[in-house]
Amino acid sequence: MDFEGQKLVEILLQVIITFFGAVGWILGYIKQDFFICFYAWLVGVVLSIIICVPDWPFFNRNPIKWTDSVPEKRKKEKKNQ
């Protein structure tokens, strides 16, 4: 997962949990049942885990280009020791 993918995961996680928590709170308030609020929040947490924890391919759209190693420097360091 690249840095942009991590940013997307953080946004998705917050939006999903907040949305399900708010909807659950409203429904729980209307029905006067705390368990509705809790179960709605729990569904949001489980859904966000399913979406955000695996390394899905759409989280890797901006891969990091690493620089190549310098093998000559490593050889010189080993010879000097």
PDB file of N, CA and C in Angstrom:
ATOM      1  N   MET A   1       0.853  -1.160   0.000  1.00  0.00           N
ATOM      2  CA  MET A   1       0.000   0.000   0.000  1.00  0.00           C
ATOM      3  C   MET A   1       0.909   1.237   0.000  1.00  0.00           C
ATOM      4  N   ASP A   2       0.638   2.143  -0.911  1.00  0.00           N
ATOM      5  CA  ASP A   2       1.447   3.356  -0.992  1.00  0.00           C
ATOM      6  C   ASP A   2       0.872   4.444  -0.076  1.00  0.00           C
ATOM      7  N   PHE A   3       1.543   5.593  -0.056  1.00  0.00           N
ATOM      8  CA  PHE A   3       1.119   6.662   0.847  1.00  0.00           C
ATOM      9  C   PHE A   3      -0.253   7.220   0.483  1.00  0.00           C
ATOM     10  N   GLU A   4      -0.540   7.334  -0.791  1.00  0.00           N
ATOM     11  CA  GLU A   4      -1.865   7.806  -1.205  1.00  0.00           C
ATOM     12  C   GLU A   4      -2.939   6.784  -0.829  1.00  0.00           C
ATOM     13  N   GLY A   5      -2.613   5.499  -0.923  1.00  0.00           N
ATOM     14  CA  GLY A   5      -3.539   4.455  -0.503  1.00  0.00           C
ATOM     15  C   GLY A   5      -3.809   4.514   0.990  1.00  0.00           C
ATOM     16  N   GLN A   6      -2.778   4.800   1.777  1.00  0.00           N
ATOM     17  CA  GLN A   6      -2.959   4.937   3.220  1.00  0.00           C
ATOM     18  C   GLN A   6      -3.857   6.125   3.547  1.00  0.00           C
ATOM     19  N   LYS A   7      -3.686   7.199   2.801  1.00  0.00           N
ATOM     20  CA  LYS A   7      -4.531   8.385   2.999  1.00  0.00           C
ATOM     21  C   LYS A   7      -5.991   8.057   2.668  1.00  0.00           C
ATOM     22  N   LEU A   8      -6.197   7.327   1.569  1.00  0.00           N
ATOM     23  CA  LEU A   8      -7.543   6.924   1.178  1.00  0.00           C
ATOM     24  C   LEU A   8      -8.170   5.995   2.220  1.00  0.00           C
ATOM     25  N   VAL A   9      -7.386   5.070   2.749  1.00  0.00           N
ATOM     26  CA  VAL A   9      -7.884   4.146   3.772  1.00  0.00           C
ATOM     27  C   VAL A   9      -8.318   4.915   5.012  1.00  0.00           C
ATOM     28  N   GLU A  10      -7.519   5.885   5.425  1.00  0.00           N
ATOM     29  CA  GLU A  10      -7.866   6.673   6.613  1.00  0.00           C
ATOM     30  C   GLU A  10      -9.176   7.431   6.402  1.00  0.00           C
ATOM     31  N   ILE A  11      -9.350   8.020   5.236  1.00  0.00           N
ATOM     32  CA  ILE A  11     -10.584   8.750   4.942  1.00  0.00           C
ATOM     33  C   ILE A  11     -11.772   7.793   4.907  1.00  0.00           C
ATOM     34  N   LEU A  12     -11.623   6.654   4.218  1.00  0.00           N
ATOM     35  CA  LEU A  12     -12.705   5.671   4.143  1.00  0.00           C
ATOM     36  C   LEU A  12     -13.088   5.167   5.535  1.00  0.00           C
ATOM     37  N   LEU A  13     -12.093   4.870   6.342  1.00  0.00           N
ATOM     38  CA  LEU A  13     -12.340   4.353   7.686  1.00  0.00           C
ATOM     39  C   LEU A  13     -13.153   5.356   8.498  1.00  0.00           C
ATOM     40  N   GLN A  14     -12.748   6.607   8.481  1.00  0.00           N
ATOM     41  CA  GLN A  14     -13.458   7.619   9.261  1.00  0.00           C
ATOM     42  C   GLN A  14     -14.871   7.857   8.738  1.00  0.00           C
ATOM     43  N   VAL A  15     -15.027   7.908   7.425  1.00  0.00           N
ATOM     44  CA  VAL A  15     -16.353   8.174   6.850  1.00  0.00           C
ATOM     45  C   VAL A  15     -17.314   7.021   7.123  1.00  0.00           C
ATOM     46  N   ILE A  16     -16.852   5.787   6.921  1.00  0.00           N
ATOM     47  CA  ILE A  16     -17.737   4.626   7.110  1.00  0.00           C
ATOM     48  C   ILE A  16     -18.181   4.511   8.568  1.00  0.00           C
ATOM     49  N   ILE A  17     -17.228   4.586   9.496  1.00  0.00           N
ATOM     50  CA  ILE A  17     -17.582   4.425  10.909  1.00  0.00           C
ATOM     51  C   ILE A  17     -18.452   5.582  11.391  1.00  0.00           C
ATOM     52  N   THR A  18     -18.133   6.797  10.960  1.00  0.00           N
ATOM     53  CA  THR A  18     -18.948   7.950  11.369  1.00  0.00           C
ATOM     54  C   THR A  18     -20.356   7.860  10.796  1.00  0.00           C
ATOM     55  N   PHE A  19     -20.479   7.474   9.530  1.00  0.00           N
ATOM     56  CA  PHE A  19     -21.796   7.359   8.908  1.00  0.00           C
ATOM     57  C   PHE A  19     -22.650   6.316   9.617  1.00  0.00           C
ATOM     58  N   PHE A  20     -22.091   5.123   9.812  1.00  0.00           N
ATOM     59  CA  PHE A  20     -22.877   4.069  10.458  1.00  0.00           C
ATOM     60  C   PHE A  20     -23.183   4.412  11.914  1.00  0.00           C
ATOM     61  N   GLY A  21     -22.256   5.080  12.577  1.00  0.00           N
ATOM     62  CA  GLY A  21     -22.518   5.505  13.954  1.00  0.00           C
ATOM     63  C   GLY A  21     -23.628   6.534  14.030  1.00  0.00           C
ATOM     64  N   ALA A  22     -23.620   7.502  13.098  1.00  0.00           N
ATOM     65  CA  ALA A  22     -24.659   8.536  13.099  1.00  0.00           C
ATOM     66  C   ALA A  22     -26.031   7.945  12.766  1.00  0.00           C
ATOM     67  N   VAL A  23     -26.078   7.103  11.747  1.00  0.00           N
ATOM     68  CA  VAL A  23     -27.351   6.471  11.385  1.00  0.00           C
ATOM     69  C   VAL A  23     -27.842   5.592  12.531  1.00  0.00           C
ATOM     70  N   GLY A  24     -26.944   4.836  13.143  1.00  0.00           N
ATOM     71  CA  GLY A  24     -27.336   4.005  14.279  1.00  0.00           C
ATOM     72  C   GLY A  24     -27.822   4.819  15.457  1.00  0.00           C
ATOM     73  N   TRP A  25     -27.164   5.958  15.703  1.00  0.00           N
ATOM     74  CA  TRP A  25     -27.597   6.812  16.811  1.00  0.00           C
ATOM     75  C   TRP A  25     -28.993   7.362  16.552  1.00  0.00           C
ATOM     76  N   ILE A  26     -29.242   7.808  15.318  1.00  0.00           N
ATOM     77  CA  ILE A  26     -30.560   8.358  14.981  1.00  0.00           C
ATOM     78  C   ILE A  26     -31.641   7.278  15.101  1.00  0.00           C
ATOM     79  N   LEU A  27     -31.380   6.104  14.534  1.00  0.00           N
ATOM     80  CA  LEU A  27     -32.372   5.020  14.627  1.00  0.00           C
ATOM     81  C   LEU A  27     -32.557   4.560  16.071  1.00  0.00           C
ATOM     82  N   GLY A  28     -31.469   4.490  16.808  1.00  0.00           N
ATOM     83  CA  GLY A  28     -31.567   4.102  18.220  1.00  0.00           C
ATOM     84  C   GLY A  28     -32.329   5.122  19.038  1.00  0.00           C
ATOM     85  N   TYR A  29     -32.153   6.390  18.709  1.00  0.00           N
ATOM     86  CA  TYR A  29     -32.888   7.443  19.407  1.00  0.00           C
ATOM     87  C   TYR A  29     -34.386   7.367  19.098  1.00  0.00           C
ATOM     88  N   ILE A  30     -34.690   7.134  17.829  1.00  0.00           N
ATOM     89  CA  ILE A  30     -36.105   7.035  17.437  1.00  0.00           C
ATOM     90  C   ILE A  30     -36.766   5.816  18.089  1.00  0.00           C
ATOM     91  N   LYS A  31     -36.077   4.681  18.069  1.00  0.00           N
ATOM     92  CA  LYS A  31     -36.638   3.446  18.633  1.00  0.00           C
ATOM     93  C   LYS A  31     -36.416   3.326  20.135  1.00  0.00           C
ATOM     94  N   GLN A  32     -35.612   4.235  20.713  1.00  0.00           N
ATOM     95  CA  GLN A  32     -35.266   4.196  22.133  1.00  0.00           C
ATOM     96  C   GLN A  32     -34.618   2.857  22.516  1.00  0.00           C
ATOM     97  N   ASP A  33     -33.641   2.449  21.682  1.00  0.00           N
ATOM     98  CA  ASP A  33     -32.941   1.184  21.906  1.00  0.00           C
ATOM     99  C   ASP A  33     -31.449   1.390  21.639  1.00  0.00           C
ATOM    100  N   PHE A  34     -30.658   1.228  22.684  1.00  0.00           N
ATOM    101  CA  PHE A  34     -29.215   1.427  22.552  1.00  0.00           C
ATOM    102  C   PHE A  34     -28.583   0.365  21.664  1.00  0.00           C
ATOM    103  N   PHE A  35     -29.090  -0.836  21.663  1.00  0.00           N
ATOM    104  CA  PHE A  35     -28.496  -1.920  20.885  1.00  0.00           C
ATOM    105  C   PHE A  35     -28.556  -1.655  19.383  1.00  0.00           C
ATOM    106  N   ILE A  36     -29.552  -0.934  18.930  1.00  0.00           N
ATOM    107  CA  ILE A  36     -29.608  -0.557  17.508  1.00  0.00           C
ATOM    108  C   ILE A  36     -28.410   0.323  17.178  1.00  0.00           C
ATOM    109  N   CYS A  37     -28.131   1.268  18.037  1.00  0.00           N
ATOM    110  CA  CYS A  37     -26.973   2.148  17.849  1.00  0.00           C
ATOM    111  C   CYS A  37     -25.682   1.333  17.844  1.00  0.00           C
ATOM    112  N   PHE A  38     -25.545   0.439  18.793  1.00  0.00           N
ATOM    113  CA  PHE A  38     -24.336  -0.383  18.900  1.00  0.00           C
ATOM    114  C   PHE A  38     -24.173  -1.308  17.698  1.00  0.00           C
ATOM    115  N   TYR A  39     -25.246  -1.972  17.289  1.00  0.00           N
ATOM    116  CA  TYR A  39     -25.152  -2.893  16.155  1.00  0.00           C
ATOM    117  C   TYR A  39     -24.867  -2.166  14.841  1.00  0.00           C
ATOM    118  N   ALA A  40     -25.441  -0.994  14.661  1.00  0.00           N
ATOM    119  CA  ALA A  40     -25.155  -0.216  13.453  1.00  0.00           C
ATOM    120  C   ALA A  40     -23.679   0.186  13.432  1.00  0.00           C
ATOM    121  N   TRP A  41     -23.174   0.642  14.574  1.00  0.00           N
ATOM    122  CA  TRP A  41     -21.753   1.001  14.667  1.00  0.00           C
ATOM    123  C   TRP A  41     -20.879  -0.226  14.404  1.00  0.00           C
ATOM    124  N   LEU A  42     -21.265  -1.367  14.949  1.00  0.00           N
ATOM    125  CA  LEU A  42     -20.505  -2.600  14.759  1.00  0.00           C
ATOM    126  C   LEU A  42     -20.479  -3.018  13.292  1.00  0.00           C
ATOM    127  N   VAL A  43     -21.592  -2.879  12.593  1.00  0.00           N
ATOM    128  CA  VAL A  43     -21.633  -3.174  11.160  1.00  0.00           C
ATOM    129  C   VAL A  43     -20.672  -2.251  10.412  1.00  0.00           C
ATOM    130  N   GLY A  44     -20.633  -0.984  10.788  1.00  0.00           N
ATOM    131  CA  GLY A  44     -19.707  -0.041  10.168  1.00  0.00           C
ATOM    132  C   GLY A  44     -18.251  -0.420  10.415  1.00  0.00           C
ATOM    133  N   VAL A  45     -17.939  -0.850  11.616  1.00  0.00           N
ATOM    134  CA  VAL A  45     -16.565  -1.266  11.935  1.00  0.00           C
ATOM    135  C   VAL A  45     -16.178  -2.499  11.122  1.00  0.00           C
ATOM    136  N   VAL A  46     -17.057  -3.488  11.066  1.00  0.00           N
ATOM    137  CA  VAL A  46     -16.766  -4.708  10.306  1.00  0.00           C
ATOM    138  C   VAL A  46     -16.613  -4.395   8.815  1.00  0.00           C
ATOM    139  N   LEU A  47     -17.497  -3.572   8.288  1.00  0.00           N
ATOM    140  CA  LEU A  47     -17.403  -3.189   6.878  1.00  0.00           C
ATOM    141  C   LEU A  47     -16.106  -2.439   6.594  1.00  0.00           C
ATOM    142  N   SER A  48     -15.728  -1.530   7.478  1.00  0.00           N
ATOM    143  CA  SER A  48     -14.480  -0.787   7.263  1.00  0.00           C
ATOM    144  C   SER A  48     -13.266  -1.695   7.384  1.00  0.00           C
ATOM    145  N   ILE A  49     -13.321  -2.701   8.226  1.00  0.00           N
ATOM    146  CA  ILE A  49     -12.214  -3.659   8.319  1.00  0.00           C
ATOM    147  C   ILE A  49     -12.105  -4.462   7.030  1.00  0.00           C
ATOM    148  N   ILE A  50     -13.240  -4.899   6.501  1.00  0.00           N
ATOM    149  CA  ILE A  50     -13.232  -5.665   5.249  1.00  0.00           C
ATOM    150  C   ILE A  50     -12.690  -4.817   4.100  1.00  0.00           C
ATOM    151  N   ILE A  51     -13.028  -3.538   4.079  1.00  0.00           N
ATOM    152  CA  ILE A  51     -12.582  -2.669   2.990  1.00  0.00           C
ATOM    153  C   ILE A  51     -11.147  -2.191   3.191  1.00  0.00           C
ATOM    154  N   CYS A  52     -10.779  -1.855   4.409  1.00  0.00           N
ATOM    155  CA  CYS A  52      -9.515  -1.147   4.639  1.00  0.00           C
ATOM    156  C   CYS A  52      -8.326  -2.019   5.020  1.00  0.00           C
ATOM    157  N   VAL A  53      -8.531  -3.167   5.610  1.00  0.00           N
ATOM    158  CA  VAL A  53      -7.381  -3.952   6.078  1.00  0.00           C
ATOM    159  C   VAL A  53      -6.662  -4.692   4.948  1.00  0.00           C
ATOM    160  N   PRO A  54      -7.334  -5.406   4.056  1.00  0.00           N
ATOM    161  CA  PRO A  54      -6.582  -6.073   2.982  1.00  0.00           C
ATOM    162  C   PRO A  54      -5.927  -5.061   2.045  1.00  0.00           C
ATOM    163  N   ASP A  55      -4.843  -5.470   1.448  1.00  0.00           N
ATOM    164  CA  ASP A  55      -4.113  -4.603   0.525  1.00  0.00           C
ATOM    165  C   ASP A  55      -4.720  -4.756  -0.867  1.00  0.00           C
ATOM    166  N   TRP A  56      -5.868  -4.106  -1.078  1.00  0.00           N
ATOM    167  CA  TRP A  56      -6.550  -4.175  -2.360  1.00  0.00           C
ATOM    168  C   TRP A  56      -5.733  -3.458  -3.429  1.00  0.00           C
ATOM    169  N   PRO A  57      -5.838  -3.885  -4.699  1.00  0.00           N
ATOM    170  CA  PRO A  57      -5.041  -3.262  -5.765  1.00  0.00           C
ATOM    171  C   PRO A  57      -5.301  -1.762  -5.956  1.00  0.00           C
ATOM    172  N   PHE A  58      -6.514  -1.274  -5.668  1.00  0.00           N
ATOM    173  CA  PHE A  58      -6.772   0.146  -5.881  1.00  0.00           C
ATOM    174  C   PHE A  58      -6.099   1.021  -4.827  1.00  0.00           C
ATOM    175  N   PHE A  59      -5.489   0.426  -3.799  1.00  0.00           N
ATOM    176  CA  PHE A  59      -4.698   1.193  -2.841  1.00  0.00           C
ATOM    177  C   PHE A  59      -3.256   1.358  -3.309  1.00  0.00           C
ATOM    178  N   ASN A  60      -2.880   0.720  -4.414  1.00  0.00           N
ATOM    179  CA  ASN A  60      -1.501   0.756  -4.914  1.00  0.00           C
ATOM    180  C   ASN A  60      -1.410   1.477  -6.256  1.00  0.00           C
ATOM    181  N   ARG A  61      -2.141   2.536  -6.417  1.00  0.00           N
ATOM    182  CA  ARG A  61      -2.132   3.252  -7.697  1.00  0.00           C
ATOM    183  C   ARG A  61      -0.907   4.135  -7.880  1.00  0.00           C
ATOM    184  N   ASN A  62      -0.259   4.539  -6.806  1.00  0.00           N
ATOM    185  CA  ASN A  62       0.899   5.436  -6.869  1.00  0.00           C
ATOM    186  C   ASN A  62       2.098   4.777  -6.192  1.00  0.00           C
ATOM    187  N   PRO A  63       2.700   3.770  -6.826  1.00  0.00           N
ATOM    188  CA  PRO A  63       3.806   3.078  -6.164  1.00  0.00           C
ATOM    189  C   PRO A  63       5.026   3.992  -6.010  1.00  0.00           C
ATOM    190  N   ILE A  64       5.795   3.705  -4.976  1.00  0.00           N
ATOM    191  CA  ILE A  64       6.996   4.483  -4.708  1.00  0.00           C
ATOM    192  C   ILE A  64       8.139   3.923  -5.537  1.00  0.00           C
ATOM    193  N   LYS A  65       8.871   4.800  -6.211  1.00  0.00           N
ATOM    194  CA  LYS A  65      10.033   4.366  -6.984  1.00  0.00           C
ATOM    195  C   LYS A  65      11.251   4.475  -6.084  1.00  0.00           C
ATOM    196  N   TRP A  66      11.825   3.338  -5.783  1.00  0.00           N
ATOM    197  CA  TRP A  66      13.000   3.298  -4.930  1.00  0.00           C
ATOM    198  C   TRP A  66      14.253   3.495  -5.773  1.00  0.00           C
ATOM    199  N   THR A  67      15.248   4.085  -5.194  1.00  0.00           N
ATOM    200  CA  THR A  67      16.508   4.266  -5.917  1.00  0.00           C
ATOM    201  C   THR A  67      17.271   2.949  -5.942  1.00  0.00           C
ATOM    202  N   ASP A  68      18.109   2.794  -6.958  1.00  0.00           N
ATOM    203  CA  ASP A  68      18.910   1.578  -7.067  1.00  0.00           C
ATOM    204  C   ASP A  68      20.034   1.602  -6.042  1.00  0.00           C
ATOM    205  N   SER A  69      20.433   0.435  -5.625  1.00  0.00           N
ATOM    206  CA  SER A  69      21.545   0.357  -4.672  1.00  0.00           C
ATOM    207  C   SER A  69      22.867   0.593  -5.397  1.00  0.00           C
ATOM    208  N   VAL A  70      23.874   0.912  -4.643  1.00  0.00           N
ATOM    209  CA  VAL A  70      25.200   1.185  -5.204  1.00  0.00           C
ATOM    210  C   VAL A  70      26.116   0.040  -4.777  1.00  0.00           C
ATOM    211  N   PRO A  71      26.295  -0.973  -5.636  1.00  0.00           N
ATOM    212  CA  PRO A  71      27.078  -2.137  -5.220  1.00  0.00           C
ATOM    213  C   PRO A  71      28.571  -1.838  -5.088  1.00  0.00           C
ATOM    214  N   GLU A  72      29.122  -0.872  -5.821  1.00  0.00           N
ATOM    215  CA  GLU A  72      30.548  -0.587  -5.738  1.00  0.00           C
ATOM    216  C   GLU A  72      30.922  -0.098  -4.345  1.00  0.00           C
ATOM    217  N   LYS A  73      30.092   0.719  -3.753  1.00  0.00           N
ATOM    218  CA  LYS A  73      30.378   1.261  -2.430  1.00  0.00           C
ATOM    219  C   LYS A  73      30.381   0.150  -1.393  1.00  0.00           C
ATOM    220  N   ARG A  74      29.479  -0.785  -1.528  1.00  0.00           N
ATOM    221  CA  ARG A  74      29.437  -1.901  -0.585  1.00  0.00           C
ATOM    222  C   ARG A  74      30.688  -2.765  -0.694  1.00  0.00           C
ATOM    223  N   LYS A  75      31.166  -2.981  -1.897  1.00  0.00           N
ATOM    224  CA  LYS A  75      32.370  -3.777  -2.082  1.00  0.00           C
ATOM    225  C   LYS A  75      33.582  -3.087  -1.482  1.00  0.00           C
ATOM    226  N   LYS A  76      33.687  -1.771  -1.634  1.00  0.00           N
ATOM    227  CA  LYS A  76      34.805  -1.022  -1.078  1.00  0.00           C
ATOM    228  C   LYS A  76      34.767  -1.053   0.439  1.00  0.00           C
ATOM    229  N   GLU A  77      33.575  -0.962   1.029  1.00  0.00           N
ATOM    230  CA  GLU A  77      33.464  -1.006   2.472  1.00  0.00           C
ATOM    231  C   GLU A  77      33.876  -2.363   3.013  1.00  0.00           C
ATOM    232  N   LYS A  78      33.539  -3.422   2.313  1.00  0.00           N
ATOM    233  CA  LYS A  78      33.932  -4.761   2.774  1.00  0.00           C
ATOM    234  C   LYS A  78      35.438  -4.965   2.661  1.00  0.00           C
ATOM    235  N   LYS A  79      36.091  -4.404   1.630  1.00  0.00           N
ATOM    236  CA  LYS A  79      37.526  -4.536   1.468  1.00  0.00           C
ATOM    237  C   LYS A  79      38.284  -3.767   2.548  1.00  0.00           C
ATOM    238  N   ASN A  80      37.767  -2.629   2.962  1.00  0.00           N
ATOM    239  CA  ASN A  80      38.426  -1.812   3.965  1.00  0.00           C
ATOM    240  C   ASN A  80      38.353  -2.430   5.355  1.00  0.00           C
ATOM    241  N   GLN A  81      37.451  -3.310   5.603  1.00  0.00           N
ATOM    242  CA  GLN A  81      37.299  -3.918   6.931  1.00  0.00           C
ATOM    243  C   GLN A  81      38.232  -5.034   7.071  1.00  0.00           C
TER     244      GLN A  81
END
